[in-house]
């Protein structure tokens, strides 16, 4: 355990005084993911580590932001618990702070919620060098605007996370995966129909002509549902979902740009798009290769969502769908409130932020 809060506060105060922008970095696993390039002076928080409070009976854990996700999950596993949203570990480099800042979740996201949904409270350093606390360490603690969850997906543009409190849950007793040979249109219908049934569904994805459904829960519920749904039972189902969680599935191999759609799970997205992988019961769709951003954005809007250049491609330009005027004004006002001099991860989310 290593508490570097005071040193981080001093670093921000010094940077603000000198007018020197900072790029917040820890494990470095997401440097080239989700956001734009940021060439500011690196501020390393990787040594600000340690689980500072854990109550297995209350299903709450508090850790410093630089704590490796793998270290936290190992502690939780000893008590039969886990972060239910299955955030990617990226070969042990992912930290709990970076996971929240990027709001990354795995295949269980539609059923277990996102990292954002697990946050109970945070401590952060704003652009003025002030140490602020939001939320708390119990399940019901927030009245009014939840600033803690506002940090999810902000990519460090609103503050340097120093401490995070999260809700955890027991691990499922049993897991079993079923596979079916289906074309994408039929797979979308099937996975959404199954999602509406009273069953322990905990994963639904489609790739290369195969639909995969994961059941997780009590042995009786899993066995009963598998018997009704049929399909090919996979002997080692964990590998399928781990490859989605960590982006190590063969679909993700190669240097081509990787696009991420977040859309209505039942949206057909008609048209020729090239290789695609569908996860989150249809709500998350990955696309490979060089594409026309305007065409992708139009398709995403029609499908009830948005698209971003998640990895690769030109990261000096905009990688996210343009914000509407209202959202842009709100984001600028939030940035002004938390970081009036714009020294924290400038341009990481948008070029104008």
Protein backbone atom coordinates (compact mmCIF):
# COMPACT_ATOMS: atom_id res chain seq x y z
CA UNK A 1 0.00 0.00 0.00
CA UNK A 2 1.30 3.42 -0.92
CA UNK A 3 -0.53 6.71 -0.34
CA UNK A 4 0.75 9.47 -2.65
CA UNK A 5 -2.20 11.84 -2.24
CA UNK A 6 -0.13 14.77 -0.96
CA UNK A 7 2.45 14.41 -3.74
CA UNK A 8 -0.29 14.32 -6.39
CA UNK A 9 -1.93 17.43 -4.95
CA UNK A 10 1.41 19.24 -5.01
CA UNK A 11 1.98 18.15 -8.62
CA UNK A 12 -1.36 19.63 -9.71
CA UNK A 13 -0.81 22.87 -7.79
CA UNK A 14 2.63 23.24 -9.40
CA UNK A 15 1.31 22.46 -12.88
CA UNK A 16 -1.49 24.99 -12.53
CA UNK A 17 0.91 27.66 -11.33
CA UNK A 18 3.17 27.03 -14.33
CA UNK A 19 0.31 26.67 -16.82
CA UNK A 20 1.56 23.17 -17.65
CA UNK A 21 -1.08 20.61 -18.79
CA UNK A 22 -0.94 17.08 -17.37
CA UNK A 23 -1.70 13.66 -18.81
CA UNK A 24 -2.85 11.31 -16.05
CA UNK A 25 -1.38 7.83 -16.44
CA UNK A 26 -1.10 4.65 -14.38
CA UNK A 27 -0.86 1.22 -16.01
CA UNK A 28 -0.88 2.70 -19.52
CA UNK A 29 -3.22 -0.03 -20.78
CA UNK A 30 -5.70 2.48 -22.23
CA UNK A 31 -3.33 5.10 -23.61
CA UNK A 32 -4.42 4.31 -27.17
CA UNK A 33 -8.02 3.34 -26.42
CA UNK A 34 -11.31 5.22 -26.27
CA UNK A 35 -9.92 8.78 -26.33
CA UNK A 36 -7.80 11.12 -28.42
CA UNK A 37 -4.04 11.52 -28.21
CA UNK A 38 -2.85 13.70 -25.32
CA UNK A 39 0.69 15.07 -25.47
CA UNK A 40 0.69 16.83 -22.07
CA UNK A 41 3.30 16.14 -19.37
CA UNK A 42 2.64 12.67 -17.89
CA UNK A 43 1.59 12.47 -14.23
CA UNK A 44 2.14 8.91 -13.02
CA UNK A 45 -0.33 7.65 -10.41
CA UNK A 46 0.67 3.97 -10.71
CA UNK A 47 2.36 3.96 -7.28
CA UNK A 48 -0.73 5.32 -5.52
CA UNK A 49 -2.01 1.88 -4.61
CA UNK A 50 -3.67 -0.32 -2.02
CA UNK A 51 -7.05 -1.55 -0.82
CA UNK A 52 -7.80 0.73 2.13
CA UNK A 53 -11.17 -0.66 3.24
CA UNK A 54 -13.05 -3.87 2.49
CA UNK A 55 -16.18 -5.22 4.16
CA UNK A 56 -17.15 -8.53 2.50
CA UNK A 57 -20.35 -8.71 4.54
CA UNK A 58 -21.40 -5.27 3.32
CA UNK A 59 -20.33 -5.91 -0.30
CA UNK A 60 -18.21 -2.74 -0.46
CA UNK A 61 -14.51 -2.24 -1.26
CA UNK A 62 -12.45 0.97 -1.30
CA UNK A 63 -9.12 1.18 -3.11
CA UNK A 64 -6.64 3.80 -4.26
CA UNK A 65 -6.91 4.61 -7.95
CA UNK A 66 -3.54 3.16 -8.98
CA UNK A 67 -4.37 -0.27 -7.56
CA UNK A 68 -4.08 -2.93 -10.28
CA UNK A 69 -7.44 -4.43 -11.13
CA UNK A 70 -5.90 -7.92 -10.92
CA UNK A 71 -4.78 -7.27 -7.33
CA UNK A 72 -8.25 -6.11 -6.32
CA UNK A 73 -9.95 -9.07 -8.01
CA UNK A 74 -7.60 -11.51 -6.26
CA UNK A 75 -8.64 -10.12 -2.87
CA UNK A 76 -12.32 -10.29 -3.79
CA UNK A 77 -11.98 -13.86 -5.05
CA UNK A 78 -10.74 -14.99 -1.64
CA UNK A 79 -14.19 -14.09 -0.31
CA UNK A 80 -16.15 -15.49 -3.25
CA UNK A 81 -16.90 -12.02 -4.60
CA UNK A 82 -16.19 -10.05 -7.77
CA UNK A 83 -16.82 -6.87 -9.73
CA UNK A 84 -19.92 -8.12 -11.58
CA UNK A 85 -19.39 -5.93 -14.68
CA UNK A 86 -16.23 -7.89 -15.62
CA UNK A 87 -13.91 -4.98 -16.52
CA UNK A 88 -10.90 -5.89 -18.71
CA UNK A 89 -7.58 -6.45 -16.95
CA UNK A 90 -5.33 -6.00 -20.01
CA UNK A 91 -2.58 -8.41 -18.92
CA UNK A 92 -2.56 -7.06 -15.38
CA UNK A 93 -1.87 -3.46 -16.44
CA UNK A 94 -5.38 -2.09 -15.87
CA UNK A 95 -5.96 -0.08 -12.69
CA UNK A 96 -9.20 0.62 -10.87
CA UNK A 97 -8.88 4.35 -11.58
CA UNK A 98 -8.36 3.87 -15.30
CA UNK A 99 -11.22 1.40 -15.44
CA UNK A 100 -13.61 3.96 -13.99
CA UNK A 101 -12.20 6.85 -16.06
CA UNK A 102 -12.82 4.87 -19.27
CA UNK A 103 -16.00 3.20 -17.98
CA UNK A 104 -15.02 -0.15 -19.46
CA UNK A 105 -17.13 -3.23 -18.77
CA UNK A 106 -17.17 -6.82 -20.01
CA UNK A 107 -19.78 -9.23 -21.43
CA UNK A 108 -21.99 -9.14 -18.32
CA UNK A 109 -22.69 -5.41 -18.72
CA UNK A 110 -26.43 -5.65 -19.72
CA UNK A 111 -27.26 -7.74 -16.66
CA UNK A 112 -24.74 -6.65 -14.02
CA UNK A 113 -24.49 -2.97 -14.94
CA UNK A 114 -21.37 -0.96 -15.82
CA UNK A 115 -18.48 0.21 -13.65
CA UNK A 116 -20.41 3.46 -13.34
CA UNK A 117 -23.29 1.59 -11.70
CA UNK A 118 -20.95 0.10 -9.07
CA UNK A 119 -19.46 3.39 -7.88
CA UNK A 120 -20.53 4.49 -4.41
CA UNK A 121 -18.06 7.31 -3.88
CA UNK A 122 -14.78 8.81 -5.04
CA UNK A 123 -12.02 11.07 -3.81
CA UNK A 124 -10.38 13.23 -6.47
CA UNK A 125 -8.05 16.16 -7.05
CA UNK A 126 -9.57 18.85 -9.24
CA UNK A 127 -7.73 21.24 -11.54
CA UNK A 128 -7.26 23.74 -8.70
CA UNK A 129 -5.33 21.19 -6.65
CA UNK A 130 -8.20 20.71 -4.19
CA UNK A 131 -8.84 17.28 -2.65
CA UNK A 132 -12.58 16.59 -2.82
CA UNK A 133 -14.79 13.74 -1.62
CA UNK A 134 -18.08 12.70 -3.21
CA UNK A 135 -20.53 9.97 -2.29
CA UNK A 136 -19.60 7.49 0.41
CA UNK A 137 -18.97 3.86 1.26
CA UNK A 138 -22.48 2.49 1.74
CA UNK A 139 -25.15 1.37 -0.72
CA UNK A 140 -27.46 4.36 -0.21
CA UNK A 141 -25.54 7.56 0.27
CA UNK A 142 -26.23 10.04 -2.53
CA UNK A 143 -28.81 12.79 -2.59
CA UNK A 144 -28.88 15.15 -5.55
CA UNK A 145 -26.38 15.15 -8.42
CA UNK A 146 -24.06 12.13 -8.29
CA UNK A 147 -20.61 13.55 -9.03
CA UNK A 148 -18.98 10.17 -8.29
CA UNK A 149 -20.59 8.53 -11.31
CA UNK A 150 -19.88 11.59 -13.42
CA UNK A 151 -16.23 10.47 -13.46
CA UNK A 152 -17.16 7.32 -15.41
CA UNK A 153 -16.08 7.85 -19.00
CA UNK A 154 -14.69 11.35 -18.35
CA UNK A 155 -11.18 10.09 -19.23
CA UNK A 156 -9.60 12.09 -16.43
CA UNK A 157 -10.73 15.47 -17.79
CA UNK A 158 -12.58 16.38 -14.57
CA UNK A 159 -10.08 15.32 -11.94
CA UNK A 160 -7.40 12.90 -10.81
CA UNK A 161 -9.10 10.00 -9.09
CA UNK A 162 -7.32 9.07 -5.87
CA UNK A 163 -9.75 6.76 -4.05
CA UNK A 164 -12.79 4.80 -5.26
CA UNK A 165 -15.50 2.89 -3.36
CA UNK A 166 -17.29 0.16 -5.29
CA UNK A 167 -20.14 -2.25 -4.77
CA UNK A 168 -19.18 -5.92 -5.23
CA UNK A 169 -21.33 -9.06 -5.53
CA UNK A 170 -20.97 -12.80 -4.89
CA UNK A 171 -19.64 -14.89 -7.76
CA UNK A 172 -22.24 -17.10 -9.49
CA UNK A 173 -22.22 -20.72 -8.36
CA UNK A 174 -22.15 -22.16 -11.86
CA UNK A 175 -21.62 -21.02 -15.44
CA UNK A 176 -22.45 -22.74 -18.72
CA UNK A 177 -22.34 -21.55 -22.33
CA UNK A 178 -24.46 -22.61 -25.29
CA UNK A 179 -23.58 -22.09 -28.96
CA UNK A 180 -25.74 -21.97 -32.10
CA UNK A 181 -24.98 -21.57 -35.80
CA UNK A 182 -27.04 -18.52 -36.82
CA UNK A 183 -26.81 -15.58 -39.20
CA UNK A 184 -26.67 -12.16 -37.53
CA UNK A 185 -30.33 -11.10 -38.13
CA UNK A 186 -31.64 -14.32 -36.61
CA UNK A 187 -29.09 -14.14 -33.79
CA UNK A 188 -30.26 -10.63 -32.81
CA UNK A 189 -33.86 -11.82 -32.62
CA UNK A 190 -32.89 -14.91 -30.62
CA UNK A 191 -30.66 -13.19 -28.06
CA UNK A 192 -33.23 -10.46 -27.39
CA UNK A 193 -36.02 -13.00 -27.05
CA UNK A 194 -33.96 -15.01 -24.58
CA UNK A 195 -33.11 -11.84 -22.65
CA UNK A 196 -36.82 -11.31 -22.04
CA UNK A 197 -37.27 -14.73 -20.44
CA UNK A 198 -36.97 -15.42 -16.68
CA UNK A 199 -33.61 -17.16 -16.96
CA UNK A 200 -30.04 -16.70 -15.57
CA UNK A 201 -28.67 -15.18 -18.79
CA UNK A 202 -25.30 -13.45 -18.21
CA UNK A 203 -23.82 -13.11 -21.69
CA UNK A 204 -25.03 -12.96 -25.31
CA UNK A 205 -22.71 -12.37 -28.26
CA UNK A 206 -22.40 -13.23 -31.95
CA UNK A 207 -19.25 -13.60 -34.03
CA UNK A 208 -18.37 -15.41 -37.25
CA UNK A 209 -21.79 -16.97 -37.68
CA UNK A 210 -22.04 -18.29 -34.12
CA UNK A 211 -24.35 -17.12 -31.33
CA UNK A 212 -23.10 -17.68 -27.78
CA UNK A 213 -25.35 -17.51 -24.72
CA UNK A 214 -23.93 -17.74 -21.20
CA UNK A 215 -25.94 -18.91 -18.22
CA UNK A 216 -24.70 -18.09 -14.70
CA UNK A 217 -26.36 -18.63 -11.35
CA UNK A 218 -27.54 -21.53 -9.20
CA UNK A 219 -26.83 -25.02 -10.60
CA UNK A 220 -30.53 -25.84 -10.73
CA UNK A 221 -31.48 -22.71 -12.69
CA UNK A 222 -28.56 -23.13 -15.10
CA UNK A 223 -29.32 -26.80 -15.79
CA UNK A 224 -33.05 -26.19 -16.23
CA UNK A 225 -32.53 -23.33 -18.69
CA UNK A 226 -29.87 -25.19 -20.69
CA UNK A 227 -32.26 -28.10 -21.04
CA UNK A 228 -34.98 -25.85 -22.46
CA UNK A 229 -32.77 -23.77 -24.76
CA UNK A 230 -30.75 -26.58 -26.34
CA UNK A 231 -27.72 -25.67 -28.44
CA UNK A 232 -24.17 -26.96 -28.24
CA UNK A 233 -22.82 -27.03 -24.70
CA UNK A 234 -19.27 -25.73 -24.53
CA UNK A 235 -16.87 -27.63 -22.31
CA UNK A 236 -14.73 -24.63 -21.38
CA UNK A 237 -17.02 -21.64 -21.74
CA UNK A 238 -14.75 -19.24 -19.83
CA UNK A 239 -12.38 -18.76 -22.77
CA UNK A 240 -15.07 -17.30 -25.02
CA UNK A 241 -16.07 -14.59 -22.58
CA UNK A 242 -12.54 -13.85 -21.39
CA UNK A 243 -11.51 -13.17 -25.00
CA UNK A 244 -14.35 -10.65 -25.30
CA UNK A 245 -13.56 -9.05 -21.97
CA UNK A 246 -9.86 -8.63 -22.77
CA UNK A 247 -10.29 -7.89 -26.50
CA UNK A 248 -8.08 -10.90 -27.31
CA UNK A 249 -10.57 -12.73 -29.52
CA UNK A 250 -9.11 -13.28 -33.03
CA UNK A 251 -11.65 -10.75 -34.32
CA UNK A 252 -9.69 -7.98 -32.59
CA UNK A 253 -6.29 -8.99 -34.02
CA UNK A 254 -4.48 -6.72 -36.44
CA UNK A 255 -3.71 -3.02 -36.85
CA UNK A 256 -6.94 -2.01 -38.59
CA UNK A 257 -9.08 0.65 -36.91
CA UNK A 258 -11.55 -0.71 -34.38
CA UNK A 259 -14.95 0.97 -34.13
CA UNK A 260 -17.37 0.55 -31.23
CA UNK A 261 -21.12 1.05 -31.64
CA UNK A 262 -23.45 1.51 -28.67
CA UNK A 263 -26.95 1.14 -30.10
CA UNK A 264 -30.47 -0.18 -29.53
CA UNK A 265 -30.00 -3.96 -29.07
CA UNK A 266 -32.73 -4.81 -31.58
CA UNK A 267 -31.57 -2.35 -34.28
CA UNK A 268 -30.86 -4.19 -37.58
CA UNK A 269 -28.13 -1.81 -38.91
CA UNK A 270 -28.82 -2.80 -42.49
CA UNK A 271 -26.00 -2.44 -44.99
CA UNK A 272 -22.57 -3.83 -45.80
CA UNK A 273 -20.13 -3.09 -43.00
CA UNK A 274 -17.43 -5.72 -43.14
CA UNK A 275 -16.36 -7.94 -40.21
CA UNK A 276 -18.49 -7.30 -37.14
CA UNK A 277 -18.75 -8.74 -33.63
CA UNK A 278 -21.94 -8.21 -31.62
CA UNK A 279 -21.95 -8.29 -27.80
CA UNK A 280 -24.16 -7.13 -24.92
CA UNK A 281 -27.23 -8.81 -26.42
CA UNK A 282 -26.93 -6.58 -29.48
CA UNK A 283 -26.24 -3.27 -27.72
CA UNK A 284 -22.46 -3.24 -28.35
CA UNK A 285 -21.16 -3.87 -31.85
CA UNK A 286 -17.55 -3.89 -32.99
CA UNK A 287 -16.47 -3.14 -36.55
CA UNK A 288 -13.00 -3.49 -38.12
CA UNK A 289 -11.31 -1.60 -40.94
CA UNK A 290 -11.10 1.84 -42.54
CA UNK A 291 -14.54 3.44 -42.62
CA UNK A 292 -16.22 6.75 -43.42
CA UNK A 293 -16.91 8.27 -39.98
CA UNK A 294 -19.88 10.28 -41.24
CA UNK A 295 -21.52 7.12 -42.61
CA UNK A 296 -20.92 5.26 -39.36
CA UNK A 297 -22.31 8.12 -37.30
CA UNK A 298 -25.44 8.28 -39.45
CA UNK A 299 -25.94 4.53 -39.05
CA UNK A 300 -25.41 4.73 -35.29
CA UNK A 301 -27.91 7.56 -34.95
CA UNK A 302 -30.47 5.62 -36.97
CA UNK A 303 -29.88 2.63 -34.69
CA UNK A 304 -30.56 4.77 -31.62
CA UNK A 305 -27.00 5.23 -30.40
CA UNK A 306 -23.50 6.45 -31.19
CA UNK A 307 -20.13 5.23 -32.45
CA UNK A 308 -16.51 5.91 -31.55
CA UNK A 309 -13.12 5.06 -33.01
CA UNK A 310 -12.10 2.87 -30.09
CA UNK A 311 -8.60 1.89 -31.20
CA UNK A 312 -6.24 2.68 -34.08
CA UNK A 313 -6.83 5.14 -36.89
CA UNK A 314 -6.18 8.88 -36.59
CA UNK A 315 -6.32 9.70 -32.90
CA UNK A 316 -5.33 13.33 -33.35
CA UNK A 317 -8.79 14.11 -34.73
CA UNK A 318 -12.18 13.53 -33.14
CA UNK A 319 -12.77 9.88 -32.25
CA UNK A 320 -16.28 10.29 -30.81
CA UNK A 321 -19.58 11.17 -32.36
CA UNK A 322 -20.10 14.96 -32.23
CA UNK A 323 -21.89 16.14 -29.10
CA UNK A 324 -25.18 17.95 -29.60
CA UNK A 325 -25.22 21.67 -28.61
CA UNK A 326 -26.86 21.07 -25.23
CA UNK A 327 -24.43 18.30 -24.25
CA UNK A 328 -21.49 20.38 -25.42
CA UNK A 329 -22.52 23.34 -23.26
CA UNK A 330 -23.01 21.10 -20.22
CA UNK A 331 -19.62 19.45 -20.68
CA UNK A 332 -17.88 22.80 -21.04
CA UNK A 333 -19.55 24.08 -17.87
CA UNK A 334 -18.51 20.96 -15.96
CA UNK A 335 -14.94 21.31 -17.21
CA UNK A 336 -14.92 24.95 -16.09
CA UNK A 337 -16.18 23.96 -12.63
CA UNK A 338 -13.69 21.13 -12.09
CA UNK A 339 -10.71 22.29 -14.13
CA UNK A 340 -10.99 26.01 -14.96
CA UNK A 341 -7.47 26.25 -16.43
CA UNK A 342 -7.88 23.14 -18.59
CA UNK A 343 -4.72 21.40 -17.37
CA UNK A 344 -6.13 17.88 -16.84
CA UNK A 345 -5.99 15.58 -19.88
CA UNK A 346 -6.73 18.43 -22.32
CA UNK A 347 -8.35 17.23 -25.55
CA UNK A 348 -8.47 13.60 -24.41
CA UNK A 349 -12.27 13.38 -24.70
CA UNK A 350 -12.89 16.03 -27.37
CA UNK A 351 -10.54 18.52 -29.04
CA UNK A 352 -12.55 21.39 -27.53
CA UNK A 353 -12.56 20.04 -23.95
